[in-house]
PDB file of N, CA and C in Angstrom:
ATOM      1  N   UNK A   1       6.625  -2.333 -13.629  1.00  0.00           N
ATOM      2  CA  UNK A   1       5.932  -3.301 -12.805  1.00  0.00           C
ATOM      3  C   UNK A   1       4.511  -3.453 -13.347  1.00  0.00           C
ATOM      4  N   UNK A   2       4.038  -4.681 -13.347  1.00  0.00           N
ATOM      5  CA  UNK A   2       2.649  -4.905 -13.722  1.00  0.00           C
ATOM      6  C   UNK A   2       1.879  -5.359 -12.478  1.00  0.00           C
ATOM      7  N   UNK A   3       0.598  -5.549 -12.635  1.00  0.00           N
ATOM      8  CA  UNK A   3      -0.234  -5.866 -11.471  1.00  0.00           C
ATOM      9  C   UNK A   3       0.151  -7.195 -10.831  1.00  0.00           C
ATOM     10  N   UNK A   4       0.598  -8.153 -11.615  1.00  0.00           N
ATOM     11  CA  UNK A   4       0.986  -9.444 -11.038  1.00  0.00           C
ATOM     12  C   UNK A   4       2.252  -9.326 -10.201  1.00  0.00           C
ATOM     13  N   UNK A   5       3.199  -8.500 -10.635  1.00  0.00           N
ATOM     14  CA  UNK A   5       4.408  -8.262  -9.837  1.00  0.00           C
ATOM     15  C   UNK A   5       4.059  -7.542  -8.535  1.00  0.00           C
ATOM     16  N   UNK A   6       3.177  -6.551  -8.642  1.00  0.00           N
ATOM     17  CA  UNK A   6       2.716  -5.805  -7.471  1.00  0.00           C
ATOM     18  C   UNK A   6       2.034  -6.752  -6.489  1.00  0.00           C
ATOM     19  N   UNK A   7       1.134  -7.566  -7.006  1.00  0.00           N
ATOM     20  CA  UNK A   7       0.373  -8.511  -6.187  1.00  0.00           C
ATOM     21  C   UNK A   7       1.314  -9.513  -5.516  1.00  0.00           C
ATOM     22  N   UNK A   8       2.224 -10.083  -6.273  1.00  0.00           N
ATOM     23  CA  UNK A   8       3.160 -11.067  -5.731  1.00  0.00           C
ATOM     24  C   UNK A   8       4.022 -10.458  -4.624  1.00  0.00           C
ATOM     25  N   UNK A   9       4.450  -9.223  -4.816  1.00  0.00           N
ATOM     26  CA  UNK A   9       5.286  -8.569  -3.813  1.00  0.00           C
ATOM     27  C   UNK A   9       4.510  -8.379  -2.510  1.00  0.00           C
ATOM     28  N   UNK A  10       3.269  -7.935  -2.614  1.00  0.00           N
ATOM     29  CA  UNK A  10       2.442  -7.739  -1.419  1.00  0.00           C
ATOM     30  C   UNK A  10       2.189  -9.069  -0.713  1.00  0.00           C
ATOM     31  N   UNK A  11       1.865 -10.102  -1.480  1.00  0.00           N
ATOM     32  CA  UNK A  11       1.489 -11.389  -0.896  1.00  0.00           C
ATOM     33  C   UNK A  11       2.653 -12.158  -0.282  1.00  0.00           C
ATOM     34  N   UNK A  12       3.887 -11.833  -0.636  1.00  0.00           N
ATOM     35  CA  UNK A  12       5.020 -12.557  -0.069  1.00  0.00           C
ATOM     36  C   UNK A  12       5.339 -12.116   1.362  1.00  0.00           C
ATOM     37  N   UNK A  13       4.701 -11.071   1.807  1.00  0.00           N
ATOM     38  CA  UNK A  13       4.954 -10.577   3.163  1.00  0.00           C
ATOM     39  C   UNK A  13       4.171 -11.414   4.184  1.00  0.00           C
ATOM     40  N   UNK A  14       4.732 -11.634   5.362  1.00  0.00           N
ATOM     41  CA  UNK A  14       4.049 -12.443   6.372  1.00  0.00           C
ATOM     42  C   UNK A  14       2.691 -11.854   6.782  1.00  0.00           C
ATOM     43  N   UNK A  15       1.717 -12.730   6.942  1.00  0.00           N
ATOM     44  CA  UNK A  15       0.412 -12.335   7.462  1.00  0.00           C
ATOM     45  C   UNK A  15      -0.492 -11.617   6.491  1.00  0.00           C
ATOM     46  N   UNK A  16      -0.127 -11.574   5.206  1.00  0.00           N
ATOM     47  CA  UNK A  16      -0.900 -10.811   4.230  1.00  0.00           C
ATOM     48  C   UNK A  16      -1.979 -11.675   3.586  1.00  0.00           C
ATOM     49  N   UNK A  17      -3.150 -11.069   3.472  1.00  0.00           N
ATOM     50  CA  UNK A  17      -4.269 -11.662   2.743  1.00  0.00           C
ATOM     51  C   UNK A  17      -4.745 -10.645   1.722  1.00  0.00           C
ATOM     52  N   UNK A  18      -5.487 -11.127   0.736  1.00  0.00           N
ATOM     53  CA  UNK A  18      -6.050 -10.236  -0.267  1.00  0.00           C
ATOM     54  C   UNK A  18      -7.535 -10.515  -0.383  1.00  0.00           C
ATOM     55  N   UNK A  19      -8.274  -9.500  -0.832  1.00  0.00           N
ATOM     56  CA  UNK A  19      -9.707  -9.682  -0.998  1.00  0.00           C
ATOM     57  C   UNK A  19     -10.334  -8.474  -1.664  1.00  0.00           C
ATOM     58  N   UNK A  20     -11.631  -8.591  -1.883  1.00  0.00           N
ATOM     59  CA  UNK A  20     -12.412  -7.538  -2.527  1.00  0.00           C
ATOM     60  C   UNK A  20     -13.533  -7.099  -1.579  1.00  0.00           C
ATOM     61  N   UNK A  21     -13.207  -6.387  -0.509  1.00  0.00           N
ATOM     62  CA  UNK A  21     -14.243  -6.019   0.465  1.00  0.00           C
ATOM     63  C   UNK A  21     -15.205  -4.916   0.005  1.00  0.00           C
ATOM     64  N   UNK A  22     -14.820  -4.152  -1.006  1.00  0.00           N
ATOM     65  CA  UNK A  22     -15.638  -3.018  -1.433  1.00  0.00           C
ATOM     66  C   UNK A  22     -16.458  -3.326  -2.674  1.00  0.00           C
ATOM     67  N   UNK A  23     -15.831  -3.921  -3.665  1.00  0.00           N
ATOM     68  CA  UNK A  23     -16.492  -4.263  -4.925  1.00  0.00           C
ATOM     69  C   UNK A  23     -15.610  -5.273  -5.639  1.00  0.00           C
ATOM     70  N   UNK A  24     -15.916  -5.571  -6.888  1.00  0.00           N
ATOM     71  CA  UNK A  24     -15.129  -6.579  -7.601  1.00  0.00           C
ATOM     72  C   UNK A  24     -13.970  -5.992  -8.404  1.00  0.00           C
ATOM     73  N   UNK A  25     -13.647  -4.719  -8.161  1.00  0.00           N
ATOM     74  CA  UNK A  25     -12.565  -4.063  -8.897  1.00  0.00           C
ATOM     75  C   UNK A  25     -11.388  -3.663  -8.021  1.00  0.00           C
ATOM     76  N   UNK A  26     -11.652  -3.360  -6.763  1.00  0.00           N
ATOM     77  CA  UNK A  26     -10.600  -2.870  -5.877  1.00  0.00           C
ATOM     78  C   UNK A  26     -10.073  -4.019  -5.021  1.00  0.00           C
ATOM     79  N   UNK A  27      -8.849  -4.443  -5.336  1.00  0.00           N
ATOM     80  CA  UNK A  27      -8.183  -5.509  -4.593  1.00  0.00           C
ATOM     81  C   UNK A  27      -7.475  -4.876  -3.403  1.00  0.00           C
ATOM     82  N   UNK A  28      -7.763  -5.406  -2.221  1.00  0.00           N
ATOM     83  CA  UNK A  28      -7.213  -4.865  -0.978  1.00  0.00           C
ATOM     84  C   UNK A  28      -6.276  -5.892  -0.353  1.00  0.00           C
ATOM     85  N   UNK A  29      -5.111  -5.421   0.055  1.00  0.00           N
ATOM     86  CA  UNK A  29      -4.142  -6.257   0.757  1.00  0.00           C
ATOM     87  C   UNK A  29      -4.144  -5.842   2.223  1.00  0.00           C
ATOM     88  N   UNK A  30      -4.247  -6.850   3.097  1.00  0.00           N
ATOM     89  CA  UNK A  30      -4.277  -6.597   4.535  1.00  0.00           C
ATOM     90  C   UNK A  30      -3.204  -7.427   5.219  1.00  0.00           C
ATOM     91  N   UNK A  31      -2.661  -6.858   6.291  1.00  0.00           N
ATOM     92  CA  UNK A  31      -1.778  -7.622   7.167  1.00  0.00           C
ATOM     93  C   UNK A  31      -2.508  -7.749   8.501  1.00  0.00           C
ATOM     94  N   UNK A  32      -2.733  -8.990   8.892  1.00  0.00           N
ATOM     95  CA  UNK A  32      -3.453  -9.283  10.133  1.00  0.00           C
ATOM     96  C   UNK A  32      -4.776  -8.514  10.202  1.00  0.00           C
ATOM     97  N   UNK A  33      -5.454  -8.424   9.060  1.00  0.00           N
ATOM     98  CA  UNK A  33      -6.767  -7.805   9.000  1.00  0.00           C
ATOM     99  C   UNK A  33      -6.796  -6.301   8.806  1.00  0.00           C
ATOM    100  N   UNK A  34      -5.635  -5.663   8.698  1.00  0.00           N
ATOM    101  CA  UNK A  34      -5.562  -4.205   8.525  1.00  0.00           C
ATOM    102  C   UNK A  34      -5.016  -3.873   7.137  1.00  0.00           C
ATOM    103  N   UNK A  35      -5.701  -2.961   6.443  1.00  0.00           N
ATOM    104  CA  UNK A  35      -5.316  -2.582   5.080  1.00  0.00           C
ATOM    105  C   UNK A  35      -3.966  -1.868   5.039  1.00  0.00           C
ATOM    106  N   UNK A  36      -3.171  -2.245   4.030  1.00  0.00           N
ATOM    107  CA  UNK A  36      -1.940  -1.494   3.787  1.00  0.00           C
ATOM    108  C   UNK A  36      -1.761  -1.146   2.307  1.00  0.00           C
ATOM    109  N   UNK A  37      -2.538  -1.750   1.415  1.00  0.00           N
ATOM    110  CA  UNK A  37      -2.405  -1.454  -0.014  1.00  0.00           C
ATOM    111  C   UNK A  37      -3.703  -1.788  -0.739  1.00  0.00           C
ATOM    112  N   UNK A  38      -4.027  -0.956  -1.741  1.00  0.00           N
ATOM    113  CA  UNK A  38      -5.213  -1.165  -2.564  1.00  0.00           C
ATOM    114  C   UNK A  38      -4.849  -0.913  -4.018  1.00  0.00           C
ATOM    115  N   UNK A  39      -5.548  -1.607  -4.919  1.00  0.00           N
ATOM    116  CA  UNK A  39      -5.300  -1.412  -6.345  1.00  0.00           C
ATOM    117  C   UNK A  39      -6.565  -1.745  -7.133  1.00  0.00           C
ATOM    118  N   UNK A  40      -6.790  -1.001  -8.204  1.00  0.00           N
ATOM    119  CA  UNK A  40      -7.875  -1.291  -9.140  1.00  0.00           C
ATOM    120  C   UNK A  40      -7.357  -2.370 -10.088  1.00  0.00           C
ATOM    121  N   UNK A  41      -7.971  -3.558 -10.038  1.00  0.00           N
ATOM    122  CA  UNK A  41      -7.453  -4.678 -10.834  1.00  0.00           C
ATOM    123  C   UNK A  41      -7.733  -4.536 -12.322  1.00  0.00           C
ATOM    124  N   UNK A  42      -8.710  -3.735 -12.696  1.00  0.00           N
ATOM    125  CA  UNK A  42      -9.024  -3.568 -14.112  1.00  0.00           C
ATOM    126  C   UNK A  42      -8.039  -2.653 -14.829  1.00  0.00           C
ATOM    127  N   UNK A  43      -7.640  -1.573 -14.140  1.00  0.00           N
ATOM    128  CA  UNK A  43      -6.837  -0.557 -14.816  1.00  0.00           C
ATOM    129  C   UNK A  43      -5.357  -0.574 -14.431  1.00  0.00           C
ATOM    130  N   UNK A  44      -5.035  -0.838 -13.182  1.00  0.00           N
ATOM    131  CA  UNK A  44      -3.677  -0.732 -12.639  1.00  0.00           C
ATOM    132  C   UNK A  44      -3.022   0.593 -13.041  1.00  0.00           C
ATOM    133  N   UNK A  45      -3.797   1.665 -12.915  1.00  0.00           N
ATOM    134  CA  UNK A  45      -3.283   3.004 -13.203  1.00  0.00           C
ATOM    135  C   UNK A  45      -2.655   3.646 -11.974  1.00  0.00           C
ATOM    136  N   UNK A  46      -3.075   3.189 -10.791  1.00  0.00           N
ATOM    137  CA  UNK A  46      -2.558   3.741  -9.547  1.00  0.00           C
ATOM    138  C   UNK A  46      -2.723   2.718  -8.432  1.00  0.00           C
ATOM    139  N   UNK A  47      -1.985   2.965  -7.333  1.00  0.00           N
ATOM    140  CA  UNK A  47      -2.115   2.150  -6.131  1.00  0.00           C
ATOM    141  C   UNK A  47      -2.238   3.091  -4.937  1.00  0.00           C
ATOM    142  N   UNK A  48      -2.931   2.644  -3.916  1.00  0.00           N
ATOM    143  CA  UNK A  48      -3.029   3.402  -2.675  1.00  0.00           C
ATOM    144  C   UNK A  48      -2.182   2.702  -1.627  1.00  0.00           C
ATOM    145  N   UNK A  49      -1.343   3.489  -0.945  1.00  0.00           N
ATOM    146  CA  UNK A  49      -0.467   2.958   0.083  1.00  0.00           C
ATOM    147  C   UNK A  49      -0.520   3.845   1.315  1.00  0.00           C
ATOM    148  N   UNK A  50      -0.539   3.212   2.475  1.00  0.00           N
ATOM    149  CA  UNK A  50      -0.504   3.962   3.721  1.00  0.00           C
ATOM    150  C   UNK A  50       0.876   4.603   3.853  1.00  0.00           C
ATOM    151  N   UNK A  51       0.926   5.766   4.513  1.00  0.00           N
ATOM    152  CA  UNK A  51       2.190   6.493   4.608  1.00  0.00           C
ATOM    153  C   UNK A  51       2.203   7.344   5.874  1.00  0.00           C
ATOM    154  N   UNK A  52       3.365   7.462   6.471  1.00  0.00           N
ATOM    155  CA  UNK A  52       3.542   8.380   7.588  1.00  0.00           C
ATOM    156  C   UNK A  52       3.118   9.773   7.125  1.00  0.00           C
ATOM    157  N   UNK A  53       2.303  10.493   7.903  1.00  0.00           N
ATOM    158  CA  UNK A  53       1.782  11.788   7.447  1.00  0.00           C
ATOM    159  C   UNK A  53       2.835  12.797   6.979  1.00  0.00           C
ATOM    160  N   UNK A  54       3.944  12.911   7.695  1.00  0.00           N
ATOM    161  CA  UNK A  54       4.979  13.867   7.281  1.00  0.00           C
ATOM    162  C   UNK A  54       5.648  13.422   5.984  1.00  0.00           C
ATOM    163  N   UNK A  55       5.923  12.143   5.880  1.00  0.00           N
ATOM    164  CA  UNK A  55       6.524  11.614   4.663  1.00  0.00           C
ATOM    165  C   UNK A  55       5.556  11.731   3.492  1.00  0.00           C
ATOM    166  N   UNK A  56       4.276  11.535   3.757  1.00  0.00           N
ATOM    167  CA  UNK A  56       3.265  11.630   2.693  1.00  0.00           C
ATOM    168  C   UNK A  56       3.324  13.001   2.024  1.00  0.00           C
ATOM    169  N   UNK A  57       3.390  14.048   2.813  1.00  0.00           N
ATOM    170  CA  UNK A  57       3.458  15.405   2.271  1.00  0.00           C
ATOM    171  C   UNK A  57       4.753  15.595   1.489  1.00  0.00           C
ATOM    172  N   UNK A  58       5.859  15.103   2.039  1.00  0.00           N
ATOM    173  CA  UNK A  58       7.157  15.228   1.365  1.00  0.00           C
ATOM    174  C   UNK A  58       7.137  14.517   0.004  1.00  0.00           C
ATOM    175  N   UNK A  59       6.577  13.317  -0.041  1.00  0.00           N
ATOM    176  CA  UNK A  59       6.535  12.567  -1.298  1.00  0.00           C
ATOM    177  C   UNK A  59       5.638  13.254  -2.331  1.00  0.00           C
ATOM    178  N   UNK A  60       4.543  13.824  -1.871  1.00  0.00           N
ATOM    179  CA  UNK A  60       3.640  14.540  -2.797  1.00  0.00           C
ATOM    180  C   UNK A  60       4.334  15.748  -3.397  1.00  0.00           C
ATOM    181  N   UNK A  61       5.171  16.409  -2.603  1.00  0.00           N
ATOM    182  CA  UNK A  61       5.907  17.569  -3.117  1.00  0.00           C
ATOM    183  C   UNK A  61       7.030  17.132  -4.058  1.00  0.00           C
ATOM    184  N   UNK A  62       7.767  16.111  -3.659  1.00  0.00           N
ATOM    185  CA  UNK A  62       8.899  15.643  -4.448  1.00  0.00           C
ATOM    186  C   UNK A  62       8.461  15.014  -5.769  1.00  0.00           C
ATOM    187  N   UNK A  63       7.354  14.278  -5.749  1.00  0.00           N
ATOM    188  CA  UNK A  63       6.865  13.588  -6.942  1.00  0.00           C
ATOM    189  C   UNK A  63       5.519  14.184  -7.363  1.00  0.00           C
ATOM    190  N   UNK A  64       5.513  15.492  -7.491  1.00  0.00           N
ATOM    191  CA  UNK A  64       4.309  16.241  -7.844  1.00  0.00           C
ATOM    192  C   UNK A  64       3.663  15.673  -9.112  1.00  0.00           C
ATOM    193  N   UNK A  65       2.401  15.333  -8.990  1.00  0.00           N
ATOM    194  CA  UNK A  65       1.672  14.789 -10.128  1.00  0.00           C
ATOM    195  C   UNK A  65       1.715  13.272 -10.209  1.00  0.00           C
ATOM    196  N   UNK A  66       2.681  12.646  -9.533  1.00  0.00           N
ATOM    197  CA  UNK A  66       2.792  11.182  -9.543  1.00  0.00           C
ATOM    198  C   UNK A  66       2.379  10.573  -8.201  1.00  0.00           C
ATOM    199  N   UNK A  67       2.516  11.363  -7.140  1.00  0.00           N
ATOM    200  CA  UNK A  67       2.076  10.939  -5.809  1.00  0.00           C
ATOM    201  C   UNK A  67       1.054  11.967  -5.338  1.00  0.00           C
ATOM    202  N   UNK A  68      -0.137  11.483  -5.056  1.00  0.00           N
ATOM    203  CA  UNK A  68      -1.269  12.349  -4.728  1.00  0.00           C
ATOM    204  C   UNK A  68      -1.871  11.935  -3.388  1.00  0.00           C
ATOM    205  N   UNK A  69      -2.666  12.821  -2.764  1.00  0.00           N
ATOM    206  CA  UNK A  69      -3.389  12.391  -1.563  1.00  0.00           C
ATOM    207  C   UNK A  69      -4.255  11.173  -1.894  1.00  0.00           C
ATOM    208  N   UNK A  70      -4.358  10.266  -0.962  1.00  0.00           N
ATOM    209  CA  UNK A  70      -5.076   9.009  -1.178  1.00  0.00           C
ATOM    210  C   UNK A  70      -6.491   9.176  -1.692  1.00  0.00           C
ATOM    211  N   UNK A  71      -6.752   8.613  -2.845  1.00  0.00           N
ATOM    212  CA  UNK A  71      -8.069   8.674  -3.472  1.00  0.00           C
ATOM    213  C   UNK A  71      -9.056   7.838  -2.657  1.00  0.00           C
ATOM    214  N   UNK A  72     -10.136   8.455  -2.216  1.00  0.00           N
ATOM    215  CA  UNK A  72     -11.168   7.811  -1.394  1.00  0.00           C
ATOM    216  C   UNK A  72     -10.626   7.292  -0.066  1.00  0.00           C
ATOM    217  N   UNK A  73      -9.518   7.859   0.393  1.00  0.00           N
ATOM    218  CA  UNK A  73      -8.900   7.418   1.645  1.00  0.00           C
ATOM    219  C   UNK A  73      -8.647   8.646   2.517  1.00  0.00           C
ATOM    220  N   UNK A  74      -8.222   8.415   3.757  1.00  0.00           N
ATOM    221  CA  UNK A  74      -7.819   9.497   4.636  1.00  0.00           C
ATOM    222  C   UNK A  74      -6.584  10.154   4.019  1.00  0.00           C
ATOM    223  N   UNK A  75      -6.727  11.388   3.594  1.00  0.00           N
ATOM    224  CA  UNK A  75      -5.680  12.085   2.838  1.00  0.00           C
ATOM    225  C   UNK A  75      -4.413  12.320   3.669  1.00  0.00           C
ATOM    226  N   UNK A  76      -4.546  12.287   4.975  1.00  0.00           N
ATOM    227  CA  UNK A  76      -3.390  12.499   5.849  1.00  0.00           C
ATOM    228  C   UNK A  76      -2.507  11.250   5.891  1.00  0.00           C
ATOM    229  N   UNK A  77      -3.110  10.075   5.806  1.00  0.00           N
ATOM    230  CA  UNK A  77      -2.387   8.830   6.024  1.00  0.00           C
ATOM    231  C   UNK A  77      -2.207   7.952   4.784  1.00  0.00           C
ATOM    232  N   UNK A  78      -2.770   8.356   3.654  1.00  0.00           N
ATOM    233  CA  UNK A  78      -2.699   7.525   2.451  1.00  0.00           C
ATOM    234  C   UNK A  78      -2.258   8.341   1.247  1.00  0.00           C
ATOM    235  N   UNK A  79      -1.449   7.721   0.401  1.00  0.00           N
ATOM    236  CA  UNK A  79      -1.052   8.309  -0.873  1.00  0.00           C
ATOM    237  C   UNK A  79      -1.562   7.440  -2.010  1.00  0.00           C
ATOM    238  N   UNK A  80      -1.891   8.084  -3.102  1.00  0.00           N
ATOM    239  CA  UNK A  80      -2.162   7.396  -4.358  1.00  0.00           C
ATOM    240  C   UNK A  80      -0.938   7.606  -5.238  1.00  0.00           C
ATOM    241  N   UNK A  81      -0.371   6.509  -5.703  1.00  0.00           N
ATOM    242  CA  UNK A  81       0.827   6.555  -6.545  1.00  0.00           C
ATOM    243  C   UNK A  81       0.413   6.145  -7.952  1.00  0.00           C
ATOM    244  N   UNK A  82       0.628   7.046  -8.904  1.00  0.00           N
ATOM    245  CA  UNK A  82       0.309   6.731 -10.291  1.00  0.00           C
ATOM    246  C   UNK A  82       1.329   5.744 -10.832  1.00  0.00           C
ATOM    247  N   UNK A  83       0.839   4.734 -11.514  1.00  0.00           N
ATOM    248  CA  UNK A  83       1.708   3.672 -12.036  1.00  0.00           C
ATOM    249  C   UNK A  83       1.987   3.894 -13.521  1.00  0.00           C
ATOM    250  N   UNK A  84       2.363   5.128 -13.848  1.00  0.00           N
ATOM    251  CA  UNK A  84       2.615   5.493 -15.244  1.00  0.00           C
ATOM    252  C   UNK A  84       4.096   5.480 -15.604  1.00  0.00           C
ATOM    253  N   UNK A  85       4.937   4.998 -14.687  1.00  0.00           N
ATOM    254  CA  UNK A  85       6.369   4.932 -14.948  1.00  0.00           C
ATOM    255  C   UNK A  85       7.145   6.126 -14.419  1.00  0.00           C
ATOM    256  N   UNK A  86       6.453   7.157 -13.954  1.00  0.00           N
ATOM    257  CA  UNK A  86       7.133   8.332 -13.400  1.00  0.00           C
ATOM    258  C   UNK A  86       7.967   7.955 -12.182  1.00  0.00           C
ATOM    259  N   UNK A  87       7.387   7.108 -11.338  1.00  0.00           N
ATOM    260  CA  UNK A  87       8.079   6.614 -10.149  1.00  0.00           C
ATOM    261  C   UNK A  87       8.582   5.215 -10.462  1.00  0.00           C
ATOM    262  N   UNK A  88       9.852   4.970 -10.243  1.00  0.00           N
ATOM    263  CA  UNK A  88      10.442   3.667 -10.545  1.00  0.00           C
ATOM    264  C   UNK A  88       9.935   2.551  -9.647  1.00  0.00           C
ATOM    265  N   UNK A  89      10.061   1.338 -10.140  1.00  0.00           N
ATOM    266  CA  UNK A  89       9.605   0.160  -9.395  1.00  0.00           C
ATOM    267  C   UNK A  89      10.268   0.057  -8.026  1.00  0.00           C
ATOM    268  N   UNK A  90      11.555   0.365  -7.956  1.00  0.00           N
ATOM    269  CA  UNK A  90      12.276   0.254  -6.689  1.00  0.00           C
ATOM    270  C   UNK A  90      11.620   1.115  -5.613  1.00  0.00           C
ATOM    271  N   UNK A  91      11.250   2.338  -5.970  1.00  0.00           N
ATOM    272  CA  UNK A  91      10.588   3.216  -5.003  1.00  0.00           C
ATOM    273  C   UNK A  91       9.218   2.678  -4.619  1.00  0.00           C
ATOM    274  N   UNK A  92       8.470   2.181  -5.590  1.00  0.00           N
ATOM    275  CA  UNK A  92       7.146   1.636  -5.278  1.00  0.00           C
ATOM    276  C   UNK A  92       7.292   0.471  -4.306  1.00  0.00           C
ATOM    277  N   UNK A  93       8.270  -0.401  -4.522  1.00  0.00           N
ATOM    278  CA  UNK A  93       8.502  -1.513  -3.596  1.00  0.00           C
ATOM    279  C   UNK A  93       8.868  -0.989  -2.202  1.00  0.00           C
ATOM    280  N   UNK A  94       9.691   0.051  -2.138  1.00  0.00           N
ATOM    281  CA  UNK A  94      10.049   0.650  -0.847  1.00  0.00           C
ATOM    282  C   UNK A  94       8.819   1.213  -0.148  1.00  0.00           C
ATOM    283  N   UNK A  95       7.927   1.832  -0.914  1.00  0.00           N
ATOM    284  CA  UNK A  95       6.723   2.416  -0.323  1.00  0.00           C
ATOM    285  C   UNK A  95       5.729   1.343   0.106  1.00  0.00           C
ATOM    286  N   UNK A  96       5.701   0.212  -0.594  1.00  0.00           N
ATOM    287  CA  UNK A  96       4.885  -0.919  -0.140  1.00  0.00           C
ATOM    288  C   UNK A  96       5.437  -1.401   1.204  1.00  0.00           C
ATOM    289  N   UNK A  97       6.762  -1.531   1.302  1.00  0.00           N
ATOM    290  CA  UNK A  97       7.391  -1.942   2.560  1.00  0.00           C
ATOM    291  C   UNK A  97       7.047  -0.975   3.684  1.00  0.00           C
ATOM    292  N   UNK A  98       7.145   0.310   3.387  1.00  0.00           N
ATOM    293  CA  UNK A  98       6.839   1.343   4.387  1.00  0.00           C
ATOM    294  C   UNK A  98       5.388   1.209   4.852  1.00  0.00           C
ATOM    295  N   UNK A  99       4.468   1.038   3.928  1.00  0.00           N
ATOM    296  CA  UNK A  99       3.060   0.903   4.261  1.00  0.00           C
ATOM    297  C   UNK A  99       2.828  -0.317   5.148  1.00  0.00           C
ATOM    298  N   UNK A 100       3.383  -1.429   4.736  1.00  0.00           N
ATOM    299  CA  UNK A 100       3.263  -2.674   5.502  1.00  0.00           C
ATOM    300  C   UNK A 100       3.830  -2.484   6.916  1.00  0.00           C
ATOM    301  N   UNK A 101       5.047  -1.953   7.000  1.00  0.00           N
ATOM    302  CA  UNK A 101       5.705  -1.766   8.297  1.00  0.00           C
ATOM    303  C   UNK A 101       4.920  -0.817   9.198  1.00  0.00           C
ATOM    304  N   UNK A 102       4.357   0.220   8.616  1.00  0.00           N
ATOM    305  CA  UNK A 102       3.569   1.184   9.374  1.00  0.00           C
ATOM    306  C   UNK A 102       2.346   0.512   9.989  1.00  0.00           C
ATOM    307  N   UNK A 103       1.668  -0.306   9.209  1.00  0.00           N
ATOM    308  CA  UNK A 103       0.481  -1.006   9.703  1.00  0.00           C
ATOM    309  C   UNK A 103       0.875  -2.025  10.774  1.00  0.00           C
ATOM    310  N   UNK A 104       1.952  -2.766  10.537  1.00  0.00           N
ATOM    311  CA  UNK A 104       2.413  -3.750  11.521  1.00  0.00           C
ATOM    312  C   UNK A 104       2.749  -3.061  12.846  1.00  0.00           C
ATOM    313  N   UNK A 105       3.410  -1.915  12.780  1.00  0.00           N
ATOM    314  CA  UNK A 105       3.784  -1.181  13.996  1.00  0.00           C
ATOM    315  C   UNK A 105       2.559  -0.757  14.798  1.00  0.00           C
ATOM    316  N   UNK A 106       1.437  -0.548  14.119  1.00  0.00           N
ATOM    317  CA  UNK A 106       0.220  -0.128  14.795  1.00  0.00           C
ATOM    318  C   UNK A 106      -0.646  -1.268  15.305  1.00  0.00           C
ATOM    319  N   UNK A 107      -0.238  -2.509  15.034  1.00  0.00           N
ATOM    320  CA  UNK A 107      -1.002  -3.662  15.494  1.00  0.00           C
ATOM    321  C   UNK A 107      -0.831  -3.855  16.997  1.00  0.00           C
ATOM    322  N   UNK A 108      -1.831  -4.448  17.642  1.00  0.00           N
ATOM    323  CA  UNK A 108      -1.659  -4.792  19.057  1.00  0.00           C
ATOM    324  C   UNK A 108      -0.486  -5.759  19.226  1.00  0.00           C
ATOM    325  N   UNK A 109       0.140  -5.707  20.375  1.00  0.00           N
ATOM    326  CA  UNK A 109       1.329  -6.517  20.656  1.00  0.00           C
ATOM    327  C   UNK A 109       1.082  -7.998  20.367  1.00  0.00           C
ATOM    328  N   UNK A 110      -0.063  -8.502  20.743  1.00  0.00           N
ATOM    329  CA  UNK A 110      -0.377  -9.919  20.539  1.00  0.00           C
ATOM    330  C   UNK A 110      -0.333 -10.283  19.048  1.00  0.00           C
ATOM    331  N   UNK A 111      -0.893  -9.429  18.200  1.00  0.00           N
ATOM    332  CA  UNK A 111      -0.885  -9.690  16.758  1.00  0.00           C
ATOM    333  C   UNK A 111       0.520  -9.563  16.171  1.00  0.00           C
ATOM    334  N   UNK A 112       1.295  -8.602  16.668  1.00  0.00           N
ATOM    335  CA  UNK A 112       2.685  -8.462  16.205  1.00  0.00           C
ATOM    336  C   UNK A 112       3.491  -9.706  16.553  1.00  0.00           C
ATOM    337  N   UNK A 113       3.292 -10.234  17.753  1.00  0.00           N
ATOM    338  CA  UNK A 113       3.990 -11.452  18.163  1.00  0.00           C
ATOM    339  C   UNK A 113       3.560 -12.631  17.303  1.00  0.00           C
ATOM    340  N   UNK A 114       2.273 -12.716  17.031  1.00  0.00           N
ATOM    341  CA  UNK A 114       1.756 -13.791  16.179  1.00  0.00           C
ATOM    342  C   UNK A 114       2.379 -13.699  14.787  1.00  0.00           C
ATOM    343  N   UNK A 115       2.487 -12.493  14.276  1.00  0.00           N
ATOM    344  CA  UNK A 115       3.071 -12.266  12.959  1.00  0.00           C
ATOM    345  C   UNK A 115       4.541 -12.692  12.932  1.00  0.00           C
ATOM    346  N   UNK A 116       5.277 -12.411  13.985  1.00  0.00           N
ATOM    347  CA  UNK A 116       6.689 -12.784  14.049  1.00  0.00           C
ATOM    348  C   UNK A 116       6.878 -14.293  14.023  1.00  0.00           C
ATOM    349  N   UNK A 117       5.877 -15.027  14.470  1.00  0.00           N
ATOM    350  CA  UNK A 117       5.972 -16.486  14.507  1.00  0.00           C
ATOM    351  C   UNK A 117       5.486 -17.149  13.237  1.00  0.00           C
ATOM    352  N   UNK A 118       5.137 -16.378  12.231  1.00  0.00           N
ATOM    353  CA  UNK A 118       4.659 -16.944  10.955  1.00  0.00           C
ATOM    354  C   UNK A 118       5.831 -17.318  10.071  1.00  0.00           C
TER     355      UNK A 118
END
């Protein structure tokens, strides 16, 4: 997967926007204003994805060295996934889905309903 495939996959989800809220290198994807994915656009060496805390620990153990605690993020709720080919594209897409779904589940009911109507 390259950065354009990653970007396209994130953007095809309902309610998703992208932007550079921190600097001109870190592209952030949000659903209804809440972050679910981040990537360095210059390097595309890794991506940050939100994750259920128990699953986050399991993935870090299972993919030791390829899935790490979220860089510059809450280590309990975010993973950094190295994009060096160790983890296949299919899994990365599944983890993007998981991150998106986790954030959507935490949205207020009104925003979830609005999202369903998009």
